[in-house]
mmCIF file of all heavy atoms, coordinates in Angstrom:
data_MODEL
# 
_entry.id   MODEL 
# 
loop_
_atom_site.group_PDB 
_atom_site.id 
_atom_site.type_symbol 
_atom_site.label_atom_id 
_atom_site.label_alt_id 
_atom_site.label_comp_id 
_atom_site.label_asym_id 
_atom_site.label_entity_id 
_atom_site.label_seq_id 
_atom_site.pdbx_PDB_ins_code 
_atom_site.Cartn_x 
_atom_site.Cartn_y 
_atom_site.Cartn_z 
_atom_site.occupancy 
_atom_site.B_iso_or_equiv 
_atom_site.pdbx_formal_charge 
_atom_site.auth_seq_id 
_atom_site.auth_comp_id 
_atom_site.auth_asym_id 
_atom_site.auth_atom_id 
_atom_site.pdbx_PDB_model_num 
ATOM 1   N N   . LYS A 1 1  ? 62.015 110.311 -56.320 1.00 0.00 ? 1  LYS A N   1 
ATOM 2   C CA  . LYS A 1 1  ? 61.195 110.584 -57.497 1.00 0.00 ? 1  LYS A CA  1 
ATOM 3   C C   . LYS A 1 1  ? 60.627 109.277 -58.073 1.00 0.00 ? 1  LYS A C   1 
ATOM 4   O O   . LYS A 1 1  ? 59.465 109.183 -58.425 1.00 0.00 ? 1  LYS A O   1 
ATOM 5   C CB  . LYS A 1 1  ? 62.012 111.310 -58.557 1.00 0.00 ? 1  LYS A CB  1 
ATOM 6   C CG  . LYS A 1 1  ? 61.233 111.766 -59.757 1.00 0.00 ? 1  LYS A CG  1 
ATOM 7   C CD  . LYS A 1 1  ? 62.090 112.424 -60.806 1.00 0.00 ? 1  LYS A CD  1 
ATOM 8   C CE  . LYS A 1 1  ? 62.409 113.832 -60.415 1.00 0.00 ? 1  LYS A CE  1 
ATOM 9   N NZ  . LYS A 1 1  ? 63.050 114.619 -61.487 1.00 0.00 ? 1  LYS A NZ  1 
ATOM 10  N N   . LYS A 1 2  ? 61.481 108.256 -58.132 1.00 0.00 ? 2  LYS A N   1 
ATOM 11  C CA  . LYS A 1 2  ? 61.065 106.947 -58.651 1.00 0.00 ? 2  LYS A CA  1 
ATOM 12  C C   . LYS A 1 2  ? 60.003 106.326 -57.740 1.00 0.00 ? 2  LYS A C   1 
ATOM 13  O O   . LYS A 1 2  ? 58.992 105.799 -58.232 1.00 0.00 ? 2  LYS A O   1 
ATOM 14  C CB  . LYS A 1 2  ? 62.272 106.014 -58.759 1.00 0.00 ? 2  LYS A CB  1 
ATOM 15  C CG  . LYS A 1 2  ? 61.938 104.651 -59.336 1.00 0.00 ? 2  LYS A CG  1 
ATOM 16  C CD  . LYS A 1 2  ? 63.160 103.761 -59.371 1.00 0.00 ? 2  LYS A CD  1 
ATOM 17  C CE  . LYS A 1 2  ? 63.396 103.271 -57.985 1.00 0.00 ? 2  LYS A CE  1 
ATOM 18  N NZ  . LYS A 1 2  ? 64.366 102.210 -57.829 1.00 0.00 ? 2  LYS A NZ  1 
ATOM 19  N N   . ASN A 1 3  ? 60.210 106.383 -56.417 1.00 0.00 ? 3  ASN A N   1 
ATOM 20  C CA  . ASN A 1 3  ? 59.259 105.804 -55.480 1.00 0.00 ? 3  ASN A CA  1 
ATOM 21  C C   . ASN A 1 3  ? 57.895 106.489 -55.577 1.00 0.00 ? 3  ASN A C   1 
ATOM 22  O O   . ASN A 1 3  ? 56.855 105.821 -55.544 1.00 0.00 ? 3  ASN A O   1 
ATOM 23  C CB  . ASN A 1 3  ? 59.783 105.907 -54.047 1.00 0.00 ? 3  ASN A CB  1 
ATOM 24  C CG  . ASN A 1 3  ? 60.991 105.021 -53.816 1.00 0.00 ? 3  ASN A CG  1 
ATOM 25  O OD1 . ASN A 1 3  ? 61.218 104.072 -54.546 1.00 0.00 ? 3  ASN A OD1 1 
ATOM 26  N ND2 . ASN A 1 3  ? 61.767 105.344 -52.804 1.00 0.00 ? 3  ASN A ND2 1 
ATOM 27  N N   . LYS A 1 4  ? 57.888 107.795 -55.704 1.00 0.00 ? 4  LYS A N   1 
ATOM 28  C CA  . LYS A 1 4  ? 56.632 108.530 -55.806 1.00 0.00 ? 4  LYS A CA  1 
ATOM 29  C C   . LYS A 1 4  ? 55.935 108.216 -57.132 1.00 0.00 ? 4  LYS A C   1 
ATOM 30  O O   . LYS A 1 4  ? 54.712 108.058 -57.179 1.00 0.00 ? 4  LYS A O   1 
ATOM 31  C CB  . LYS A 1 4  ? 56.868 110.032 -55.682 1.00 0.00 ? 4  LYS A CB  1 
ATOM 32  C CG  . LYS A 1 4  ? 57.266 110.450 -54.287 1.00 0.00 ? 4  LYS A CG  1 
ATOM 33  C CD  . LYS A 1 4  ? 57.629 111.912 -54.211 1.00 0.00 ? 4  LYS A CD  1 
ATOM 34  C CE  . LYS A 1 4  ? 58.080 112.298 -52.838 1.00 0.00 ? 4  LYS A CE  1 
ATOM 35  N NZ  . LYS A 1 4  ? 58.487 113.712 -52.744 1.00 0.00 ? 4  LYS A NZ  1 
ATOM 36  N N   . SER A 1 5  ? 56.707 108.065 -58.203 1.00 0.00 ? 5  SER A N   1 
ATOM 37  C CA  . SER A 1 5  ? 56.113 107.710 -59.496 1.00 0.00 ? 5  SER A CA  1 
ATOM 38  C C   . SER A 1 5  ? 55.515 106.310 -59.452 1.00 0.00 ? 5  SER A C   1 
ATOM 39  O O   . SER A 1 5  ? 54.450 106.072 -60.028 1.00 0.00 ? 5  SER A O   1 
ATOM 40  C CB  . SER A 1 5  ? 57.172 107.786 -60.592 1.00 0.00 ? 5  SER A CB  1 
ATOM 41  O OG  . SER A 1 5  ? 57.622 109.106 -60.742 1.00 0.00 ? 5  SER A OG  1 
ATOM 42  N N   . ILE A 1 6  ? 56.185 105.387 -58.784 1.00 0.00 ? 6  ILE A N   1 
ATOM 43  C CA  . ILE A 1 6  ? 55.651 104.020 -58.642 1.00 0.00 ? 6  ILE A CA  1 
ATOM 44  C C   . ILE A 1 6  ? 54.354 104.055 -57.836 1.00 0.00 ? 6  ILE A C   1 
ATOM 45  O O   . ILE A 1 6  ? 53.382 103.372 -58.196 1.00 0.00 ? 6  ILE A O   1 
ATOM 46  C CB  . ILE A 1 6  ? 56.703 103.097 -58.000 1.00 0.00 ? 6  ILE A CB  1 
ATOM 47  C CG1 . ILE A 1 6  ? 57.837 102.843 -58.982 1.00 0.00 ? 6  ILE A CG1 1 
ATOM 48  C CG2 . ILE A 1 6  ? 56.087 101.783 -57.537 1.00 0.00 ? 6  ILE A CG2 1 
ATOM 49  C CD1 . ILE A 1 6  ? 59.034 102.117 -58.387 1.00 0.00 ? 6  ILE A CD1 1 
ATOM 50  N N   . GLN A 1 7  ? 54.320 104.829 -56.776 1.00 0.00 ? 7  GLN A N   1 
ATOM 51  C CA  . GLN A 1 7  ? 53.096 104.953 -55.972 1.00 0.00 ? 7  GLN A CA  1 
ATOM 52  C C   . GLN A 1 7  ? 51.952 105.504 -56.831 1.00 0.00 ? 7  GLN A C   1 
ATOM 53  O O   . GLN A 1 7  ? 50.817 105.012 -56.744 1.00 0.00 ? 7  GLN A O   1 
ATOM 54  C CB  . GLN A 1 7  ? 53.331 105.865 -54.758 1.00 0.00 ? 7  GLN A CB  1 
ATOM 55  C CG  . GLN A 1 7  ? 54.185 105.249 -53.687 1.00 0.00 ? 7  GLN A CG  1 
ATOM 56  C CD  . GLN A 1 7  ? 53.489 104.136 -52.956 1.00 0.00 ? 7  GLN A CD  1 
ATOM 57  O OE1 . GLN A 1 7  ? 52.293 104.154 -52.716 1.00 0.00 ? 7  GLN A OE1 1 
ATOM 58  N NE2 . GLN A 1 7  ? 54.256 103.121 -52.597 1.00 0.00 ? 7  GLN A NE2 1 
ATOM 59  N N   . ASN A 1 8  ? 52.227 106.505 -57.643 1.00 0.00 ? 8  ASN A N   1 
ATOM 60  C CA  . ASN A 1 8  ? 51.200 107.071 -58.507 1.00 0.00 ? 8  ASN A CA  1 
ATOM 61  C C   . ASN A 1 8  ? 50.727 106.060 -59.553 1.00 0.00 ? 8  ASN A C   1 
ATOM 62  O O   . ASN A 1 8  ? 49.539 105.949 -59.832 1.00 0.00 ? 8  ASN A O   1 
ATOM 63  C CB  . ASN A 1 8  ? 51.692 108.340 -59.198 1.00 0.00 ? 8  ASN A CB  1 
ATOM 64  C CG  . ASN A 1 8  ? 51.710 109.517 -58.271 1.00 0.00 ? 8  ASN A CG  1 
ATOM 65  O OD1 . ASN A 1 8  ? 51.169 109.482 -57.172 1.00 0.00 ? 8  ASN A OD1 1 
ATOM 66  N ND2 . ASN A 1 8  ? 52.323 110.594 -58.713 1.00 0.00 ? 8  ASN A ND2 1 
ATOM 67  N N   . LEU A 1 9  ? 51.658 105.313 -60.140 1.00 0.00 ? 9  LEU A N   1 
ATOM 68  C CA  . LEU A 1 9  ? 51.302 104.283 -61.107 1.00 0.00 ? 9  LEU A CA  1 
ATOM 69  C C   . LEU A 1 9  ? 50.406 103.210 -60.484 1.00 0.00 ? 9  LEU A C   1 
ATOM 70  O O   . LEU A 1 9  ? 49.413 102.789 -61.083 1.00 0.00 ? 9  LEU A O   1 
ATOM 71  C CB  . LEU A 1 9  ? 52.561 103.650 -61.708 1.00 0.00 ? 9  LEU A CB  1 
ATOM 72  C CG  . LEU A 1 9  ? 52.334 102.528 -62.708 1.00 0.00 ? 9  LEU A CG  1 
ATOM 73  C CD1 . LEU A 1 9  ? 51.597 103.038 -63.942 1.00 0.00 ? 9  LEU A CD1 1 
ATOM 74  C CD2 . LEU A 1 9  ? 53.648 101.891 -63.082 1.00 0.00 ? 9  LEU A CD2 1 
ATOM 75  N N   . LEU A 1 10 ? 50.757 102.793 -59.288 1.00 0.00 ? 10 LEU A N   1 
ATOM 76  C CA  . LEU A 1 10 ? 49.933 101.792 -58.593 1.00 0.00 ? 10 LEU A CA  1 
ATOM 77  C C   . LEU A 1 10 ? 48.525 102.335 -58.326 1.00 0.00 ? 10 LEU A C   1 
ATOM 78  O O   . LEU A 1 10 ? 47.537 101.615 -58.453 1.00 0.00 ? 10 LEU A O   1 
ATOM 79  C CB  . LEU A 1 10 ? 50.602 101.345 -57.293 1.00 0.00 ? 10 LEU A CB  1 
ATOM 80  C CG  . LEU A 1 10 ? 51.798 100.414 -57.471 1.00 0.00 ? 10 LEU A CG  1 
ATOM 81  C CD1 . LEU A 1 10 ? 52.533 100.242 -56.151 1.00 0.00 ? 10 LEU A CD1 1 
ATOM 82  C CD2 . LEU A 1 10 ? 51.347 99.071  -58.005 1.00 0.00 ? 10 LEU A CD2 1 
ATOM 83  N N   . SER A 1 11 ? 48.420 103.602 -57.953 1.00 0.00 ? 11 SER A N   1 
ATOM 84  C CA  . SER A 1 11 ? 47.101 104.218 -57.737 1.00 0.00 ? 11 SER A CA  1 
ATOM 85  C C   . SER A 1 11 ? 46.266 104.198 -59.005 1.00 0.00 ? 11 SER A C   1 
ATOM 86  O O   . SER A 1 11 ? 45.087 103.866 -58.984 1.00 0.00 ? 11 SER A O   1 
ATOM 87  C CB  . SER A 1 11 ? 47.253 105.649 -57.235 1.00 0.00 ? 11 SER A CB  1 
ATOM 88  O OG  . SER A 1 11 ? 47.800 105.701 -55.958 1.00 0.00 ? 11 SER A OG  1 
ATOM 89  N N   . ILE A 1 12 ? 46.896 104.542 -60.129 1.00 0.00 ? 12 ILE A N   1 
ATOM 90  C CA  . ILE A 1 12 ? 46.195 104.541 -61.407 1.00 0.00 ? 12 ILE A CA  1 
ATOM 91  C C   . ILE A 1 12 ? 45.751 103.139 -61.775 1.00 0.00 ? 12 ILE A C   1 
ATOM 92  O O   . ILE A 1 12 ? 44.610 102.935 -62.228 1.00 0.00 ? 12 ILE A O   1 
ATOM 93  C CB  . ILE A 1 12 ? 47.083 105.168 -62.491 1.00 0.00 ? 12 ILE A CB  1 
ATOM 94  C CG1 . ILE A 1 12 ? 47.269 106.662 -62.224 1.00 0.00 ? 12 ILE A CG1 1 
ATOM 95  C CG2 . ILE A 1 12 ? 46.505 104.945 -63.881 1.00 0.00 ? 12 ILE A CG2 1 
ATOM 96  C CD1 . ILE A 1 12 ? 48.351 107.319 -63.047 1.00 0.00 ? 12 ILE A CD1 1 
ATOM 97  N N   . LEU A 1 13 ? 46.613 102.148 -61.569 1.00 0.00 ? 13 LEU A N   1 
ATOM 98  C CA  . LEU A 1 13 ? 46.244 100.768 -61.866 1.00 0.00 ? 13 LEU A CA  1 
ATOM 99  C C   . LEU A 1 13 ? 45.089 100.273 -60.990 1.00 0.00 ? 13 LEU A C   1 
ATOM 100 O O   . LEU A 1 13 ? 44.177 99.603  -61.480 1.00 0.00 ? 13 LEU A O   1 
ATOM 101 C CB  . LEU A 1 13 ? 47.462 99.840  -61.709 1.00 0.00 ? 13 LEU A CB  1 
ATOM 102 C CG  . LEU A 1 13 ? 48.533 99.948  -62.787 1.00 0.00 ? 13 LEU A CG  1 
ATOM 103 C CD1 . LEU A 1 13 ? 49.747 99.115  -62.398 1.00 0.00 ? 13 LEU A CD1 1 
ATOM 104 C CD2 . LEU A 1 13 ? 47.988 99.498  -64.125 1.00 0.00 ? 13 LEU A CD2 1 
ATOM 105 N N   . ILE A 1 14 ? 45.121 100.633 -59.728 1.00 0.00 ? 14 ILE A N   1 
ATOM 106 C CA  . ILE A 1 14 ? 44.050 100.203 -58.815 1.00 0.00 ? 14 ILE A CA  1 
ATOM 107 C C   . ILE A 1 14 ? 42.712 100.810 -59.250 1.00 0.00 ? 14 ILE A C   1 
ATOM 108 O O   . ILE A 1 14 ? 41.699 100.106 -59.314 1.00 0.00 ? 14 ILE A O   1 
ATOM 109 C CB  . ILE A 1 14 ? 44.398 100.588 -57.356 1.00 0.00 ? 14 ILE A CB  1 
ATOM 110 C CG1 . ILE A 1 14 ? 45.551 99.727  -56.852 1.00 0.00 ? 14 ILE A CG1 1 
ATOM 111 C CG2 . ILE A 1 14 ? 43.179 100.453 -56.439 1.00 0.00 ? 14 ILE A CG2 1 
ATOM 112 C CD1 . ILE A 1 14 ? 46.186 100.202 -55.574 1.00 0.00 ? 14 ILE A CD1 1 
ATOM 113 N N   . VAL A 1 15 ? 42.710 102.098 -59.574 1.00 0.00 ? 15 VAL A N   1 
ATOM 114 C CA  . VAL A 1 15 ? 41.478 102.744 -60.015 1.00 0.00 ? 15 VAL A CA  1 
ATOM 115 C C   . VAL A 1 15 ? 40.998 102.153 -61.342 1.00 0.00 ? 15 VAL A C   1 
ATOM 116 O O   . VAL A 1 15 ? 39.811 101.946 -61.548 1.00 0.00 ? 15 VAL A O   1 
ATOM 117 C CB  . VAL A 1 15 ? 41.666 104.280 -60.121 1.00 0.00 ? 15 VAL A CB  1 
ATOM 118 C CG1 . VAL A 1 15 ? 40.511 104.944 -60.830 1.00 0.00 ? 15 VAL A CG1 1 
ATOM 119 C CG2 . VAL A 1 15 ? 41.859 104.872 -58.723 1.00 0.00 ? 15 VAL A CG2 1 
ATOM 120 N N   . SER A 1 16 ? 41.939 101.826 -62.226 1.00 0.00 ? 16 SER A N   1 
ATOM 121 C CA  . SER A 1 16 ? 41.571 101.226 -63.514 1.00 0.00 ? 16 SER A CA  1 
ATOM 122 C C   . SER A 1 16 ? 40.928 99.850  -63.312 1.00 0.00 ? 16 SER A C   1 
ATOM 123 O O   . SER A 1 16 ? 39.882 99.550  -63.931 1.00 0.00 ? 16 SER A O   1 
ATOM 124 C CB  . SER A 1 16 ? 42.811 101.063 -64.398 1.00 0.00 ? 16 SER A CB  1 
ATOM 125 O OG  . SER A 1 16 ? 43.359 102.304 -64.679 1.00 0.00 ? 16 SER A OG  1 
ATOM 126 N N   . PHE A 1 17 ? 41.526 99.017  -62.468 1.00 0.00 ? 17 PHE A N   1 
ATOM 127 C CA  . PHE A 1 17 ? 40.927 97.717  -62.214 1.00 0.00 ? 17 PHE A CA  1 
ATOM 128 C C   . PHE A 1 17 ? 39.589 97.834  -61.520 1.00 0.00 ? 17 PHE A C   1 
ATOM 129 O O   . PHE A 1 17 ? 38.659 97.058  -61.793 1.00 0.00 ? 17 PHE A O   1 
ATOM 130 C CB  . PHE A 1 17 ? 41.879 96.824  -61.416 1.00 0.00 ? 17 PHE A CB  1 
ATOM 131 C CG  . PHE A 1 17 ? 42.854 96.092  -62.271 1.00 0.00 ? 17 PHE A CG  1 
ATOM 132 C CD1 . PHE A 1 17 ? 44.138 96.548  -62.431 1.00 0.00 ? 17 PHE A CD1 1 
ATOM 133 C CD2 . PHE A 1 17 ? 42.477 94.947  -62.959 1.00 0.00 ? 17 PHE A CD2 1 
ATOM 134 C CE1 . PHE A 1 17 ? 45.045 95.878  -63.234 1.00 0.00 ? 17 PHE A CE1 1 
ATOM 135 C CE2 . PHE A 1 17 ? 43.362 94.267  -63.755 1.00 0.00 ? 17 PHE A CE2 1 
ATOM 136 C CZ  . PHE A 1 17 ? 44.650 94.728  -63.909 1.00 0.00 ? 17 PHE A CZ  1 
ATOM 137 N N   . LEU A 1 18 ? 39.453 98.804  -60.631 1.00 0.00 ? 18 LEU A N   1 
ATOM 138 C CA  . LEU A 1 18 ? 38.147 99.033  -59.984 1.00 0.00 ? 18 LEU A CA  1 
ATOM 139 C C   . LEU A 1 18 ? 37.109 99.448  -61.003 1.00 0.00 ? 18 LEU A C   1 
ATOM 140 O O   . LEU A 1 18 ? 35.981 98.930  -61.014 1.00 0.00 ? 18 LEU A O   1 
ATOM 141 C CB  . LEU A 1 18 ? 38.284 100.091 -58.891 1.00 0.00 ? 18 LEU A CB  1 
ATOM 142 C CG  . LEU A 1 18 ? 37.000 100.495 -58.175 1.00 0.00 ? 18 LEU A CG  1 
ATOM 143 C CD1 . LEU A 1 18 ? 36.447 99.312  -57.407 1.00 0.00 ? 18 LEU A CD1 1 
ATOM 144 C CD2 . LEU A 1 18 ? 37.246 101.658 -57.249 1.00 0.00 ? 18 LEU A CD2 1 
ATOM 145 N N   . GLY A 1 19 ? 37.478 100.361 -61.900 1.00 0.00 ? 19 GLY A N   1 
ATOM 146 C CA  . GLY A 1 19 ? 36.555 100.785 -62.953 1.00 0.00 ? 19 GLY A CA  1 
ATOM 147 C C   . GLY A 1 19 ? 36.149 99.656  -63.871 1.00 0.00 ? 19 GLY A C   1 
ATOM 148 O O   . GLY A 1 19 ? 34.962 99.514  -64.229 1.00 0.00 ? 19 GLY A O   1 
ATOM 149 N N   . LEU A 1 20 ? 37.114 98.843  -64.280 1.00 0.00 ? 20 LEU A N   1 
ATOM 150 C CA  . LEU A 1 20 ? 36.803 97.686  -65.135 1.00 0.00 ? 20 LEU A CA  1 
ATOM 151 C C   . LEU A 1 20 ? 35.936 96.680  -64.407 1.00 0.00 ? 20 LEU A C   1 
ATOM 152 O O   . LEU A 1 20 ? 35.048 96.069  -65.021 1.00 0.00 ? 20 LEU A O   1 
ATOM 153 C CB  . LEU A 1 20 ? 38.095 97.028  -65.629 1.00 0.00 ? 20 LEU A CB  1 
ATOM 154 C CG  . LEU A 1 20 ? 38.871 97.794  -66.689 1.00 0.00 ? 20 LEU A CG  1 
ATOM 155 C CD1 . LEU A 1 20 ? 40.216 97.134  -66.930 1.00 0.00 ? 20 LEU A CD1 1 
ATOM 156 C CD2 . LEU A 1 20 ? 38.067 97.863  -67.981 1.00 0.00 ? 20 LEU A CD2 1 
ATOM 157 N N   . SER A 1 21 ? 36.168 96.492  -63.124 1.00 0.00 ? 21 SER A N   1 
ATOM 158 C CA  . SER A 1 21 ? 35.345 95.550  -62.345 1.00 0.00 ? 21 SER A CA  1 
ATOM 159 C C   . SER A 1 21 ? 33.902 96.024  -62.265 1.00 0.00 ? 21 SER A C   1 
ATOM 160 O O   . SER A 1 21 ? 32.967 95.249  -62.441 1.00 0.00 ? 21 SER A O   1 
ATOM 161 C CB  . SER A 1 21 ? 35.915 95.384  -60.939 1.00 0.00 ? 21 SER A CB  1 
ATOM 162 O OG  . SER A 1 21 ? 37.170 94.807  -60.987 1.00 0.00 ? 21 SER A OG  1 
ATOM 163 N N   . VAL A 1 22 ? 33.717 97.317  -62.000 1.00 0.00 ? 22 VAL A N   1 
ATOM 164 C CA  . VAL A 1 22 ? 32.367 97.877  -61.932 1.00 0.00 ? 22 VAL A CA  1 
ATOM 165 C C   . VAL A 1 22 ? 31.690 97.801  -63.295 1.00 0.00 ? 22 VAL A C   1 
ATOM 166 O O   . VAL A 1 22 ? 30.522 97.413  -63.399 1.00 0.00 ? 22 VAL A O   1 
ATOM 167 C CB  . VAL A 1 22 ? 32.401 99.324  -61.396 1.00 0.00 ? 22 VAL A CB  1 
ATOM 168 C CG1 . VAL A 1 22 ? 31.048 99.995  -61.564 1.00 0.00 ? 22 VAL A CG1 1 
ATOM 169 C CG2 . VAL A 1 22 ? 32.830 99.337  -59.945 1.00 0.00 ? 22 VAL A CG2 1 
ATOM 170 N N   . ALA A 1 23 ? 32.414 98.158  -64.359 1.00 0.00 ? 23 ALA A N   1 
ATOM 171 C CA  . ALA A 1 23 ? 31.846 98.078  -65.706 1.00 0.00 ? 23 ALA A CA  1 
ATOM 172 C C   . ALA A 1 23 ? 31.459 96.652  -66.056 1.00 0.00 ? 23 ALA A C   1 
ATOM 173 O O   . ALA A 1 23 ? 30.399 96.404  -66.634 1.00 0.00 ? 23 ALA A O   1 
ATOM 174 C CB  . ALA A 1 23 ? 32.850 98.615  -66.732 1.00 0.00 ? 23 ALA A CB  1 
ATOM 175 N N   . GLY A 1 24 ? 32.305 95.702  -65.700 1.00 0.00 ? 24 GLY A N   1 
ATOM 176 C CA  . GLY A 1 24 ? 31.976 94.299  -65.959 1.00 0.00 ? 24 GLY A CA  1 
ATOM 177 C C   . GLY A 1 24 ? 30.777 93.824  -65.168 1.00 0.00 ? 24 GLY A C   1 
ATOM 178 O O   . GLY A 1 24 ? 29.928 93.085  -65.659 1.00 0.00 ? 24 GLY A O   1 
# 
């Protein structure tokens, strides 16, 4: 459960940084 949650958190962070990069 912890490993899957970490994988999901990393996915959200990657998409967030991608979105901020495109916006910038």
